[in-house]
Amino acid sequence: FGIYTMDWYRQAPGKERELVATIG
């Protein structure tokens, strides 16, 4: 319960995790 934001991140081998999409 509560207010929340949800997102999708992705990470390829040897790379930093990056934000793909977000929804408030």
PDBML (XML) file of the C-alpha atoms, coordinates in Angstrom:
<?xml version="1.0" encoding="UTF-8" ?>
<PDBx:datablock datablockName="MODEL"
   xmlns:PDBx="http://pdbml.pdb.org/schema/pdbx-v50.xsd"
   xmlns:xsi="http://www.w3.org/2001/XMLSchema-instance"
   xsi:schemaLocation="http://pdbml.pdb.org/schema/pdbx-v50.xsd pdbx-v50.xsd">
   <PDBx:atom_siteCategory>
      <PDBx:atom_site id="1">
         <PDBx:B_iso_or_equiv>0.00</PDBx:B_iso_or_equiv>
         <PDBx:Cartn_x>0.000</PDBx:Cartn_x>
         <PDBx:Cartn_y>0.000</PDBx:Cartn_y>
         <PDBx:Cartn_z>0.000</PDBx:Cartn_z>
         <PDBx:auth_asym_id>A</PDBx:auth_asym_id>
         <PDBx:auth_atom_id>CA</PDBx:auth_atom_id>
         <PDBx:auth_comp_id>PHE</PDBx:auth_comp_id>
         <PDBx:auth_seq_id>1</PDBx:auth_seq_id>
         <PDBx:group_PDB>ATOM</PDBx:group_PDB>
         <PDBx:label_alt_id xsi:nil="true" />
         <PDBx:label_asym_id>A</PDBx:label_asym_id>
         <PDBx:label_atom_id>CA</PDBx:label_atom_id>
         <PDBx:label_comp_id>PHE</PDBx:label_comp_id>
         <PDBx:label_entity_id>1</PDBx:label_entity_id>
         <PDBx:label_seq_id>1</PDBx:label_seq_id>
         <PDBx:occupancy>1.00</PDBx:occupancy>
         <PDBx:pdbx_PDB_model_num>1</PDBx:pdbx_PDB_model_num>
         <PDBx:type_symbol>C</PDBx:type_symbol>
      </PDBx:atom_site>
      <PDBx:atom_site id="2">
         <PDBx:B_iso_or_equiv>0.00</PDBx:B_iso_or_equiv>
         <PDBx:Cartn_x>0.993</PDBx:Cartn_x>
         <PDBx:Cartn_y>3.601</PDBx:Cartn_y>
         <PDBx:Cartn_z>-0.498</PDBx:Cartn_z>
         <PDBx:auth_asym_id>A</PDBx:auth_asym_id>
         <PDBx:auth_atom_id>CA</PDBx:auth_atom_id>
         <PDBx:auth_comp_id>GLY</PDBx:auth_comp_id>
         <PDBx:auth_seq_id>2</PDBx:auth_seq_id>
         <PDBx:group_PDB>ATOM</PDBx:group_PDB>
         <PDBx:label_alt_id xsi:nil="true" />
         <PDBx:label_asym_id>A</PDBx:label_asym_id>
         <PDBx:label_atom_id>CA</PDBx:label_atom_id>
         <PDBx:label_comp_id>GLY</PDBx:label_comp_id>
         <PDBx:label_entity_id>1</PDBx:label_entity_id>
         <PDBx:label_seq_id>2</PDBx:label_seq_id>
         <PDBx:occupancy>1.00</PDBx:occupancy>
         <PDBx:pdbx_PDB_model_num>1</PDBx:pdbx_PDB_model_num>
         <PDBx:type_symbol>C</PDBx:type_symbol>
      </PDBx:atom_site>
      <PDBx:atom_site id="3">
         <PDBx:B_iso_or_equiv>0.00</PDBx:B_iso_or_equiv>
         <PDBx:Cartn_x>2.272</PDBx:Cartn_x>
         <PDBx:Cartn_y>5.786</PDBx:Cartn_y>
         <PDBx:Cartn_z>-3.297</PDBx:Cartn_z>
         <PDBx:auth_asym_id>A</PDBx:auth_asym_id>
         <PDBx:auth_atom_id>CA</PDBx:auth_atom_id>
         <PDBx:auth_comp_id>ILE</PDBx:auth_comp_id>
         <PDBx:auth_seq_id>3</PDBx:auth_seq_id>
         <PDBx:group_PDB>ATOM</PDBx:group_PDB>
         <PDBx:label_alt_id xsi:nil="true" />
         <PDBx:label_asym_id>A</PDBx:label_asym_id>
         <PDBx:label_atom_id>CA</PDBx:label_atom_id>
         <PDBx:label_comp_id>ILE</PDBx:label_comp_id>
         <PDBx:label_entity_id>1</PDBx:label_entity_id>
         <PDBx:label_seq_id>3</PDBx:label_seq_id>
         <PDBx:occupancy>1.00</PDBx:occupancy>
         <PDBx:pdbx_PDB_model_num>1</PDBx:pdbx_PDB_model_num>
         <PDBx:type_symbol>C</PDBx:type_symbol>
      </PDBx:atom_site>
      <PDBx:atom_site id="4">
         <PDBx:B_iso_or_equiv>0.00</PDBx:B_iso_or_equiv>
         <PDBx:Cartn_x>4.965</PDBx:Cartn_x>
         <PDBx:Cartn_y>4.190</PDBx:Cartn_y>
         <PDBx:Cartn_z>-5.383</PDBx:Cartn_z>
         <PDBx:auth_asym_id>A</PDBx:auth_asym_id>
         <PDBx:auth_atom_id>CA</PDBx:auth_atom_id>
         <PDBx:auth_comp_id>TYR</PDBx:auth_comp_id>
         <PDBx:auth_seq_id>4</PDBx:auth_seq_id>
         <PDBx:group_PDB>ATOM</PDBx:group_PDB>
         <PDBx:label_alt_id xsi:nil="true" />
         <PDBx:label_asym_id>A</PDBx:label_asym_id>
         <PDBx:label_atom_id>CA</PDBx:label_atom_id>
         <PDBx:label_comp_id>TYR</PDBx:label_comp_id>
         <PDBx:label_entity_id>1</PDBx:label_entity_id>
         <PDBx:label_seq_id>4</PDBx:label_seq_id>
         <PDBx:occupancy>1.00</PDBx:occupancy>
         <PDBx:pdbx_PDB_model_num>1</PDBx:pdbx_PDB_model_num>
         <PDBx:type_symbol>C</PDBx:type_symbol>
      </PDBx:atom_site>
      <PDBx:atom_site id="5">
         <PDBx:B_iso_or_equiv>0.00</PDBx:B_iso_or_equiv>
         <PDBx:Cartn_x>6.900</PDBx:Cartn_x>
         <PDBx:Cartn_y>4.438</PDBx:Cartn_y>
         <PDBx:Cartn_z>-8.602</PDBx:Cartn_z>
         <PDBx:auth_asym_id>A</PDBx:auth_asym_id>
         <PDBx:auth_atom_id>CA</PDBx:auth_atom_id>
         <PDBx:auth_comp_id>THR</PDBx:auth_comp_id>
         <PDBx:auth_seq_id>5</PDBx:auth_seq_id>
         <PDBx:group_PDB>ATOM</PDBx:group_PDB>
         <PDBx:label_alt_id xsi:nil="true" />
         <PDBx:label_asym_id>A</PDBx:label_asym_id>
         <PDBx:label_atom_id>CA</PDBx:label_atom_id>
         <PDBx:label_comp_id>THR</PDBx:label_comp_id>
         <PDBx:label_entity_id>1</PDBx:label_entity_id>
         <PDBx:label_seq_id>5</PDBx:label_seq_id>
         <PDBx:occupancy>1.00</PDBx:occupancy>
         <PDBx:pdbx_PDB_model_num>1</PDBx:pdbx_PDB_model_num>
         <PDBx:type_symbol>C</PDBx:type_symbol>
      </PDBx:atom_site>
      <PDBx:atom_site id="6">
         <PDBx:B_iso_or_equiv>0.00</PDBx:B_iso_or_equiv>
         <PDBx:Cartn_x>7.788</PDBx:Cartn_x>
         <PDBx:Cartn_y>1.359</PDBx:Cartn_y>
         <PDBx:Cartn_z>-10.606</PDBx:Cartn_z>
         <PDBx:auth_asym_id>A</PDBx:auth_asym_id>
         <PDBx:auth_atom_id>CA</PDBx:auth_atom_id>
         <PDBx:auth_comp_id>MET</PDBx:auth_comp_id>
         <PDBx:auth_seq_id>6</PDBx:auth_seq_id>
         <PDBx:group_PDB>ATOM</PDBx:group_PDB>
         <PDBx:label_alt_id xsi:nil="true" />
         <PDBx:label_asym_id>A</PDBx:label_asym_id>
         <PDBx:label_atom_id>CA</PDBx:label_atom_id>
         <PDBx:label_comp_id>MET</PDBx:label_comp_id>
         <PDBx:label_entity_id>1</PDBx:label_entity_id>
         <PDBx:label_seq_id>6</PDBx:label_seq_id>
         <PDBx:occupancy>1.00</PDBx:occupancy>
         <PDBx:pdbx_PDB_model_num>1</PDBx:pdbx_PDB_model_num>
         <PDBx:type_symbol>C</PDBx:type_symbol>
      </PDBx:atom_site>
      <PDBx:atom_site id="7">
         <PDBx:B_iso_or_equiv>0.00</PDBx:B_iso_or_equiv>
         <PDBx:Cartn_x>10.542</PDBx:Cartn_x>
         <PDBx:Cartn_y>1.013</PDBx:Cartn_y>
         <PDBx:Cartn_z>-13.153</PDBx:Cartn_z>
         <PDBx:auth_asym_id>A</PDBx:auth_asym_id>
         <PDBx:auth_atom_id>CA</PDBx:auth_atom_id>
         <PDBx:auth_comp_id>ASP</PDBx:auth_comp_id>
         <PDBx:auth_seq_id>7</PDBx:auth_seq_id>
         <PDBx:group_PDB>ATOM</PDBx:group_PDB>
         <PDBx:label_alt_id xsi:nil="true" />
         <PDBx:label_asym_id>A</PDBx:label_asym_id>
         <PDBx:label_atom_id>CA</PDBx:label_atom_id>
         <PDBx:label_comp_id>ASP</PDBx:label_comp_id>
         <PDBx:label_entity_id>1</PDBx:label_entity_id>
         <PDBx:label_seq_id>7</PDBx:label_seq_id>
         <PDBx:occupancy>1.00</PDBx:occupancy>
         <PDBx:pdbx_PDB_model_num>1</PDBx:pdbx_PDB_model_num>
         <PDBx:type_symbol>C</PDBx:type_symbol>
      </PDBx:atom_site>
      <PDBx:atom_site id="8">
         <PDBx:B_iso_or_equiv>0.00</PDBx:B_iso_or_equiv>
         <PDBx:Cartn_x>12.372</PDBx:Cartn_x>
         <PDBx:Cartn_y>-1.370</PDBx:Cartn_y>
         <PDBx:Cartn_z>-15.419</PDBx:Cartn_z>
         <PDBx:auth_asym_id>A</PDBx:auth_asym_id>
         <PDBx:auth_atom_id>CA</PDBx:auth_atom_id>
         <PDBx:auth_comp_id>TRP</PDBx:auth_comp_id>
         <PDBx:auth_seq_id>8</PDBx:auth_seq_id>
         <PDBx:group_PDB>ATOM</PDBx:group_PDB>
         <PDBx:label_alt_id xsi:nil="true" />
         <PDBx:label_asym_id>A</PDBx:label_asym_id>
         <PDBx:label_atom_id>CA</PDBx:label_atom_id>
         <PDBx:label_comp_id>TRP</PDBx:label_comp_id>
         <PDBx:label_entity_id>1</PDBx:label_entity_id>
         <PDBx:label_seq_id>8</PDBx:label_seq_id>
         <PDBx:occupancy>1.00</PDBx:occupancy>
         <PDBx:pdbx_PDB_model_num>1</PDBx:pdbx_PDB_model_num>
         <PDBx:type_symbol>C</PDBx:type_symbol>
      </PDBx:atom_site>
      <PDBx:atom_site id="9">
         <PDBx:B_iso_or_equiv>0.00</PDBx:B_iso_or_equiv>
         <PDBx:Cartn_x>16.154</PDBx:Cartn_x>
         <PDBx:Cartn_y>-1.427</PDBx:Cartn_y>
         <PDBx:Cartn_z>-15.489</PDBx:Cartn_z>
         <PDBx:auth_asym_id>A</PDBx:auth_asym_id>
         <PDBx:auth_atom_id>CA</PDBx:auth_atom_id>
         <PDBx:auth_comp_id>TYR</PDBx:auth_comp_id>
         <PDBx:auth_seq_id>9</PDBx:auth_seq_id>
         <PDBx:group_PDB>ATOM</PDBx:group_PDB>
         <PDBx:label_alt_id xsi:nil="true" />
         <PDBx:label_asym_id>A</PDBx:label_asym_id>
         <PDBx:label_atom_id>CA</PDBx:label_atom_id>
         <PDBx:label_comp_id>TYR</PDBx:label_comp_id>
         <PDBx:label_entity_id>1</PDBx:label_entity_id>
         <PDBx:label_seq_id>9</PDBx:label_seq_id>
         <PDBx:occupancy>1.00</PDBx:occupancy>
         <PDBx:pdbx_PDB_model_num>1</PDBx:pdbx_PDB_model_num>
         <PDBx:type_symbol>C</PDBx:type_symbol>
      </PDBx:atom_site>
      <PDBx:atom_site id="10">
         <PDBx:B_iso_or_equiv>0.00</PDBx:B_iso_or_equiv>
         <PDBx:Cartn_x>18.488</PDBx:Cartn_x>
         <PDBx:Cartn_y>-3.620</PDBx:Cartn_y>
         <PDBx:Cartn_z>-17.471</PDBx:Cartn_z>
         <PDBx:auth_asym_id>A</PDBx:auth_asym_id>
         <PDBx:auth_atom_id>CA</PDBx:auth_atom_id>
         <PDBx:auth_comp_id>ARG</PDBx:auth_comp_id>
         <PDBx:auth_seq_id>10</PDBx:auth_seq_id>
         <PDBx:group_PDB>ATOM</PDBx:group_PDB>
         <PDBx:label_alt_id xsi:nil="true" />
         <PDBx:label_asym_id>A</PDBx:label_asym_id>
         <PDBx:label_atom_id>CA</PDBx:label_atom_id>
         <PDBx:label_comp_id>ARG</PDBx:label_comp_id>
         <PDBx:label_entity_id>1</PDBx:label_entity_id>
         <PDBx:label_seq_id>10</PDBx:label_seq_id>
         <PDBx:occupancy>1.00</PDBx:occupancy>
         <PDBx:pdbx_PDB_model_num>1</PDBx:pdbx_PDB_model_num>
         <PDBx:type_symbol>C</PDBx:type_symbol>
      </PDBx:atom_site>
      <PDBx:atom_site id="11">
         <PDBx:B_iso_or_equiv>0.00</PDBx:B_iso_or_equiv>
         <PDBx:Cartn_x>22.083</PDBx:Cartn_x>
         <PDBx:Cartn_y>-4.662</PDBx:Cartn_y>
         <PDBx:Cartn_z>-17.174</PDBx:Cartn_z>
         <PDBx:auth_asym_id>A</PDBx:auth_asym_id>
         <PDBx:auth_atom_id>CA</PDBx:auth_atom_id>
         <PDBx:auth_comp_id>GLN</PDBx:auth_comp_id>
         <PDBx:auth_seq_id>11</PDBx:auth_seq_id>
         <PDBx:group_PDB>ATOM</PDBx:group_PDB>
         <PDBx:label_alt_id xsi:nil="true" />
         <PDBx:label_asym_id>A</PDBx:label_asym_id>
         <PDBx:label_atom_id>CA</PDBx:label_atom_id>
         <PDBx:label_comp_id>GLN</PDBx:label_comp_id>
         <PDBx:label_entity_id>1</PDBx:label_entity_id>
         <PDBx:label_seq_id>11</PDBx:label_seq_id>
         <PDBx:occupancy>1.00</PDBx:occupancy>
         <PDBx:pdbx_PDB_model_num>1</PDBx:pdbx_PDB_model_num>
         <PDBx:type_symbol>C</PDBx:type_symbol>
      </PDBx:atom_site>
      <PDBx:atom_site id="12">
         <PDBx:B_iso_or_equiv>0.00</PDBx:B_iso_or_equiv>
         <PDBx:Cartn_x>24.271</PDBx:Cartn_x>
         <PDBx:Cartn_y>-6.328</PDBx:Cartn_y>
         <PDBx:Cartn_z>-19.763</PDBx:Cartn_z>
         <PDBx:auth_asym_id>A</PDBx:auth_asym_id>
         <PDBx:auth_atom_id>CA</PDBx:auth_atom_id>
         <PDBx:auth_comp_id>ALA</PDBx:auth_comp_id>
         <PDBx:auth_seq_id>12</PDBx:auth_seq_id>
         <PDBx:group_PDB>ATOM</PDBx:group_PDB>
         <PDBx:label_alt_id xsi:nil="true" />
         <PDBx:label_asym_id>A</PDBx:label_asym_id>
         <PDBx:label_atom_id>CA</PDBx:label_atom_id>
         <PDBx:label_comp_id>ALA</PDBx:label_comp_id>
         <PDBx:label_entity_id>1</PDBx:label_entity_id>
         <PDBx:label_seq_id>12</PDBx:label_seq_id>
         <PDBx:occupancy>1.00</PDBx:occupancy>
         <PDBx:pdbx_PDB_model_num>1</PDBx:pdbx_PDB_model_num>
         <PDBx:type_symbol>C</PDBx:type_symbol>
      </PDBx:atom_site>
      <PDBx:atom_site id="13">
         <PDBx:B_iso_or_equiv>0.00</PDBx:B_iso_or_equiv>
         <PDBx:Cartn_x>27.466</PDBx:Cartn_x>
         <PDBx:Cartn_y>-8.169</PDBx:Cartn_y>
         <PDBx:Cartn_z>-18.771</PDBx:Cartn_z>
         <PDBx:auth_asym_id>A</PDBx:auth_asym_id>
         <PDBx:auth_atom_id>CA</PDBx:auth_atom_id>
         <PDBx:auth_comp_id>PRO</PDBx:auth_comp_id>
         <PDBx:auth_seq_id>13</PDBx:auth_seq_id>
         <PDBx:group_PDB>ATOM</PDBx:group_PDB>
         <PDBx:label_alt_id xsi:nil="true" />
         <PDBx:label_asym_id>A</PDBx:label_asym_id>
         <PDBx:label_atom_id>CA</PDBx:label_atom_id>
         <PDBx:label_comp_id>PRO</PDBx:label_comp_id>
         <PDBx:label_entity_id>1</PDBx:label_entity_id>
         <PDBx:label_seq_id>13</PDBx:label_seq_id>
         <PDBx:occupancy>1.00</PDBx:occupancy>
         <PDBx:pdbx_PDB_model_num>1</PDBx:pdbx_PDB_model_num>
         <PDBx:type_symbol>C</PDBx:type_symbol>
      </PDBx:atom_site>
      <PDBx:atom_site id="14">
         <PDBx:B_iso_or_equiv>0.00</PDBx:B_iso_or_equiv>
         <PDBx:Cartn_x>30.266</PDBx:Cartn_x>
         <PDBx:Cartn_y>-5.739</PDBx:Cartn_y>
         <PDBx:Cartn_z>-17.987</PDBx:Cartn_z>
         <PDBx:auth_asym_id>A</PDBx:auth_asym_id>
         <PDBx:auth_atom_id>CA</PDBx:auth_atom_id>
         <PDBx:auth_comp_id>GLY</PDBx:auth_comp_id>
         <PDBx:auth_seq_id>14</PDBx:auth_seq_id>
         <PDBx:group_PDB>ATOM</PDBx:group_PDB>
         <PDBx:label_alt_id xsi:nil="true" />
         <PDBx:label_asym_id>A</PDBx:label_asym_id>
         <PDBx:label_atom_id>CA</PDBx:label_atom_id>
         <PDBx:label_comp_id>GLY</PDBx:label_comp_id>
         <PDBx:label_entity_id>1</PDBx:label_entity_id>
         <PDBx:label_seq_id>14</PDBx:label_seq_id>
         <PDBx:occupancy>1.00</PDBx:occupancy>
         <PDBx:pdbx_PDB_model_num>1</PDBx:pdbx_PDB_model_num>
         <PDBx:type_symbol>C</PDBx:type_symbol>
      </PDBx:atom_site>
      <PDBx:atom_site id="15">
         <PDBx:B_iso_or_equiv>0.00</PDBx:B_iso_or_equiv>
         <PDBx:Cartn_x>27.992</PDBx:Cartn_x>
         <PDBx:Cartn_y>-2.721</PDBx:Cartn_y>
         <PDBx:Cartn_z>-18.178</PDBx:Cartn_z>
         <PDBx:auth_asym_id>A</PDBx:auth_asym_id>
         <PDBx:auth_atom_id>CA</PDBx:auth_atom_id>
         <PDBx:auth_comp_id>LYS</PDBx:auth_comp_id>
         <PDBx:auth_seq_id>15</PDBx:auth_seq_id>
         <PDBx:group_PDB>ATOM</PDBx:group_PDB>
         <PDBx:label_alt_id xsi:nil="true" />
         <PDBx:label_asym_id>A</PDBx:label_asym_id>
         <PDBx:label_atom_id>CA</PDBx:label_atom_id>
         <PDBx:label_comp_id>LYS</PDBx:label_comp_id>
         <PDBx:label_entity_id>1</PDBx:label_entity_id>
         <PDBx:label_seq_id>15</PDBx:label_seq_id>
         <PDBx:occupancy>1.00</PDBx:occupancy>
         <PDBx:pdbx_PDB_model_num>1</PDBx:pdbx_PDB_model_num>
         <PDBx:type_symbol>C</PDBx:type_symbol>
      </PDBx:atom_site>
      <PDBx:atom_site id="16">
         <PDBx:B_iso_or_equiv>0.00</PDBx:B_iso_or_equiv>
         <PDBx:Cartn_x>26.268</PDBx:Cartn_x>
         <PDBx:Cartn_y>-0.504</PDBx:Cartn_y>
         <PDBx:Cartn_z>-15.676</PDBx:Cartn_z>
         <PDBx:auth_asym_id>A</PDBx:auth_asym_id>
         <PDBx:auth_atom_id>CA</PDBx:auth_atom_id>
         <PDBx:auth_comp_id>GLU</PDBx:auth_comp_id>
         <PDBx:auth_seq_id>16</PDBx:auth_seq_id>
         <PDBx:group_PDB>ATOM</PDBx:group_PDB>
         <PDBx:label_alt_id xsi:nil="true" />
         <PDBx:label_asym_id>A</PDBx:label_asym_id>
         <PDBx:label_atom_id>CA</PDBx:label_atom_id>
         <PDBx:label_comp_id>GLU</PDBx:label_comp_id>
         <PDBx:label_entity_id>1</PDBx:label_entity_id>
         <PDBx:label_seq_id>16</PDBx:label_seq_id>
         <PDBx:occupancy>1.00</PDBx:occupancy>
         <PDBx:pdbx_PDB_model_num>1</PDBx:pdbx_PDB_model_num>
         <PDBx:type_symbol>C</PDBx:type_symbol>
      </PDBx:atom_site>
      <PDBx:atom_site id="17">
         <PDBx:B_iso_or_equiv>0.00</PDBx:B_iso_or_equiv>
         <PDBx:Cartn_x>22.636</PDBx:Cartn_x>
         <PDBx:Cartn_y>-0.981</PDBx:Cartn_y>
         <PDBx:Cartn_z>-14.872</PDBx:Cartn_z>
         <PDBx:auth_asym_id>A</PDBx:auth_asym_id>
         <PDBx:auth_atom_id>CA</PDBx:auth_atom_id>
         <PDBx:auth_comp_id>ARG</PDBx:auth_comp_id>
         <PDBx:auth_seq_id>17</PDBx:auth_seq_id>
         <PDBx:group_PDB>ATOM</PDBx:group_PDB>
         <PDBx:label_alt_id xsi:nil="true" />
         <PDBx:label_asym_id>A</PDBx:label_asym_id>
         <PDBx:label_atom_id>CA</PDBx:label_atom_id>
         <PDBx:label_comp_id>ARG</PDBx:label_comp_id>
         <PDBx:label_entity_id>1</PDBx:label_entity_id>
         <PDBx:label_seq_id>17</PDBx:label_seq_id>
         <PDBx:occupancy>1.00</PDBx:occupancy>
         <PDBx:pdbx_PDB_model_num>1</PDBx:pdbx_PDB_model_num>
         <PDBx:type_symbol>C</PDBx:type_symbol>
      </PDBx:atom_site>
      <PDBx:atom_site id="18">
         <PDBx:B_iso_or_equiv>0.00</PDBx:B_iso_or_equiv>
         <PDBx:Cartn_x>20.536</PDBx:Cartn_x>
         <PDBx:Cartn_y>1.482</PDBx:Cartn_y>
         <PDBx:Cartn_z>-16.844</PDBx:Cartn_z>
         <PDBx:auth_asym_id>A</PDBx:auth_asym_id>
         <PDBx:auth_atom_id>CA</PDBx:auth_atom_id>
         <PDBx:auth_comp_id>GLU</PDBx:auth_comp_id>
         <PDBx:auth_seq_id>18</PDBx:auth_seq_id>
         <PDBx:group_PDB>ATOM</PDBx:group_PDB>
         <PDBx:label_alt_id xsi:nil="true" />
         <PDBx:label_asym_id>A</PDBx:label_asym_id>
         <PDBx:label_atom_id>CA</PDBx:label_atom_id>
         <PDBx:label_comp_id>GLU</PDBx:label_comp_id>
         <PDBx:label_entity_id>1</PDBx:label_entity_id>
         <PDBx:label_seq_id>18</PDBx:label_seq_id>
         <PDBx:occupancy>1.00</PDBx:occupancy>
         <PDBx:pdbx_PDB_model_num>1</PDBx:pdbx_PDB_model_num>
         <PDBx:type_symbol>C</PDBx:type_symbol>
      </PDBx:atom_site>
      <PDBx:atom_site id="19">
         <PDBx:B_iso_or_equiv>0.00</PDBx:B_iso_or_equiv>
         <PDBx:Cartn_x>17.014</PDBx:Cartn_x>
         <PDBx:Cartn_y>2.762</PDBx:Cartn_y>
         <PDBx:Cartn_z>-16.536</PDBx:Cartn_z>
         <PDBx:auth_asym_id>A</PDBx:auth_asym_id>
         <PDBx:auth_atom_id>CA</PDBx:auth_atom_id>
         <PDBx:auth_comp_id>LEU</PDBx:auth_comp_id>
         <PDBx:auth_seq_id>19</PDBx:auth_seq_id>
         <PDBx:group_PDB>ATOM</PDBx:group_PDB>
         <PDBx:label_alt_id xsi:nil="true" />
         <PDBx:label_asym_id>A</PDBx:label_asym_id>
         <PDBx:label_atom_id>CA</PDBx:label_atom_id>
         <PDBx:label_comp_id>LEU</PDBx:label_comp_id>
         <PDBx:label_entity_id>1</PDBx:label_entity_id>
         <PDBx:label_seq_id>19</PDBx:label_seq_id>
         <PDBx:occupancy>1.00</PDBx:occupancy>
         <PDBx:pdbx_PDB_model_num>1</PDBx:pdbx_PDB_model_num>
         <PDBx:type_symbol>C</PDBx:type_symbol>
      </PDBx:atom_site>
      <PDBx:atom_site id="20">
         <PDBx:B_iso_or_equiv>0.00</PDBx:B_iso_or_equiv>
         <PDBx:Cartn_x>14.803</PDBx:Cartn_x>
         <PDBx:Cartn_y>1.568</PDBx:Cartn_y>
         <PDBx:Cartn_z>-19.374</PDBx:Cartn_z>
         <PDBx:auth_asym_id>A</PDBx:auth_asym_id>
         <PDBx:auth_atom_id>CA</PDBx:auth_atom_id>
         <PDBx:auth_comp_id>VAL</PDBx:auth_comp_id>
         <PDBx:auth_seq_id>20</PDBx:auth_seq_id>
         <PDBx:group_PDB>ATOM</PDBx:group_PDB>
         <PDBx:label_alt_id xsi:nil="true" />
         <PDBx:label_asym_id>A</PDBx:label_asym_id>
         <PDBx:label_atom_id>CA</PDBx:label_atom_id>
         <PDBx:label_comp_id>VAL</PDBx:label_comp_id>
         <PDBx:label_entity_id>1</PDBx:label_entity_id>
         <PDBx:label_seq_id>20</PDBx:label_seq_id>
         <PDBx:occupancy>1.00</PDBx:occupancy>
         <PDBx:pdbx_PDB_model_num>1</PDBx:pdbx_PDB_model_num>
         <PDBx:type_symbol>C</PDBx:type_symbol>
      </PDBx:atom_site>
      <PDBx:atom_site id="21">
         <PDBx:B_iso_or_equiv>0.00</PDBx:B_iso_or_equiv>
         <PDBx:Cartn_x>11.382</PDBx:Cartn_x>
         <PDBx:Cartn_y>2.889</PDBx:Cartn_y>
         <PDBx:Cartn_z>-18.447</PDBx:Cartn_z>
         <PDBx:auth_asym_id>A</PDBx:auth_asym_id>
         <PDBx:auth_atom_id>CA</PDBx:auth_atom_id>
         <PDBx:auth_comp_id>ALA</PDBx:auth_comp_id>
         <PDBx:auth_seq_id>21</PDBx:auth_seq_id>
         <PDBx:group_PDB>ATOM</PDBx:group_PDB>
         <PDBx:label_alt_id xsi:nil="true" />
         <PDBx:label_asym_id>A</PDBx:label_asym_id>
         <PDBx:label_atom_id>CA</PDBx:label_atom_id>
         <PDBx:label_comp_id>ALA</PDBx:label_comp_id>
         <PDBx:label_entity_id>1</PDBx:label_entity_id>
         <PDBx:label_seq_id>21</PDBx:label_seq_id>
         <PDBx:occupancy>1.00</PDBx:occupancy>
         <PDBx:pdbx_PDB_model_num>1</PDBx:pdbx_PDB_model_num>
         <PDBx:type_symbol>C</PDBx:type_symbol>
      </PDBx:atom_site>
      <PDBx:atom_site id="22">
         <PDBx:B_iso_or_equiv>0.00</PDBx:B_iso_or_equiv>
         <PDBx:Cartn_x>9.557</PDBx:Cartn_x>
         <PDBx:Cartn_y>4.315</PDBx:Cartn_y>
         <PDBx:Cartn_z>-15.475</PDBx:Cartn_z>
         <PDBx:auth_asym_id>A</PDBx:auth_asym_id>
         <PDBx:auth_atom_id>CA</PDBx:auth_atom_id>
         <PDBx:auth_comp_id>THR</PDBx:auth_comp_id>
         <PDBx:auth_seq_id>22</PDBx:auth_seq_id>
         <PDBx:group_PDB>ATOM</PDBx:group_PDB>
         <PDBx:label_alt_id xsi:nil="true" />
         <PDBx:label_asym_id>A</PDBx:label_asym_id>
         <PDBx:label_atom_id>CA</PDBx:label_atom_id>
         <PDBx:label_comp_id>THR</PDBx:label_comp_id>
         <PDBx:label_entity_id>1</PDBx:label_entity_id>
         <PDBx:label_seq_id>22</PDBx:label_seq_id>
         <PDBx:occupancy>1.00</PDBx:occupancy>
         <PDBx:pdbx_PDB_model_num>1</PDBx:pdbx_PDB_model_num>
         <PDBx:type_symbol>C</PDBx:type_symbol>
      </PDBx:atom_site>
      <PDBx:atom_site id="23">
         <PDBx:B_iso_or_equiv>0.00</PDBx:B_iso_or_equiv>
         <PDBx:Cartn_x>5.938</PDBx:Cartn_x>
         <PDBx:Cartn_y>4.869</PDBx:Cartn_y>
         <PDBx:Cartn_z>-14.529</PDBx:Cartn_z>
         <PDBx:auth_asym_id>A</PDBx:auth_asym_id>
         <PDBx:auth_atom_id>CA</PDBx:auth_atom_id>
         <PDBx:auth_comp_id>ILE</PDBx:auth_comp_id>
         <PDBx:auth_seq_id>23</PDBx:auth_seq_id>
         <PDBx:group_PDB>ATOM</PDBx:group_PDB>
         <PDBx:label_alt_id xsi:nil="true" />
         <PDBx:label_asym_id>A</PDBx:label_asym_id>
         <PDBx:label_atom_id>CA</PDBx:label_atom_id>
         <PDBx:label_comp_id>ILE</PDBx:label_comp_id>
         <PDBx:label_entity_id>1</PDBx:label_entity_id>
         <PDBx:label_seq_id>23</PDBx:label_seq_id>
         <PDBx:occupancy>1.00</PDBx:occupancy>
         <PDBx:pdbx_PDB_model_num>1</PDBx:pdbx_PDB_model_num>
         <PDBx:type_symbol>C</PDBx:type_symbol>
      </PDBx:atom_site>
      <PDBx:atom_site id="24">
         <PDBx:B_iso_or_equiv>0.00</PDBx:B_iso_or_equiv>
         <PDBx:Cartn_x>4.671</PDBx:Cartn_x>
         <PDBx:Cartn_y>6.979</PDBx:Cartn_y>
         <PDBx:Cartn_z>-11.674</PDBx:Cartn_z>
         <PDBx:auth_asym_id>A</PDBx:auth_asym_id>
         <PDBx:auth_atom_id>CA</PDBx:auth_atom_id>
         <PDBx:auth_comp_id>GLY</PDBx:auth_comp_id>
         <PDBx:auth_seq_id>24</PDBx:auth_seq_id>
         <PDBx:group_PDB>ATOM</PDBx:group_PDB>
         <PDBx:label_alt_id xsi:nil="true" />
         <PDBx:label_asym_id>A</PDBx:label_asym_id>
         <PDBx:label_atom_id>CA</PDBx:label_atom_id>
         <PDBx:label_comp_id>GLY</PDBx:label_comp_id>
         <PDBx:label_entity_id>1</PDBx:label_entity_id>
         <PDBx:label_seq_id>24</PDBx:label_seq_id>
         <PDBx:occupancy>1.00</PDBx:occupancy>
         <PDBx:pdbx_PDB_model_num>1</PDBx:pdbx_PDB_model_num>
         <PDBx:type_symbol>C</PDBx:type_symbol>
      </PDBx:atom_site>
   </PDBx:atom_siteCategory>
</PDBx:datablock>
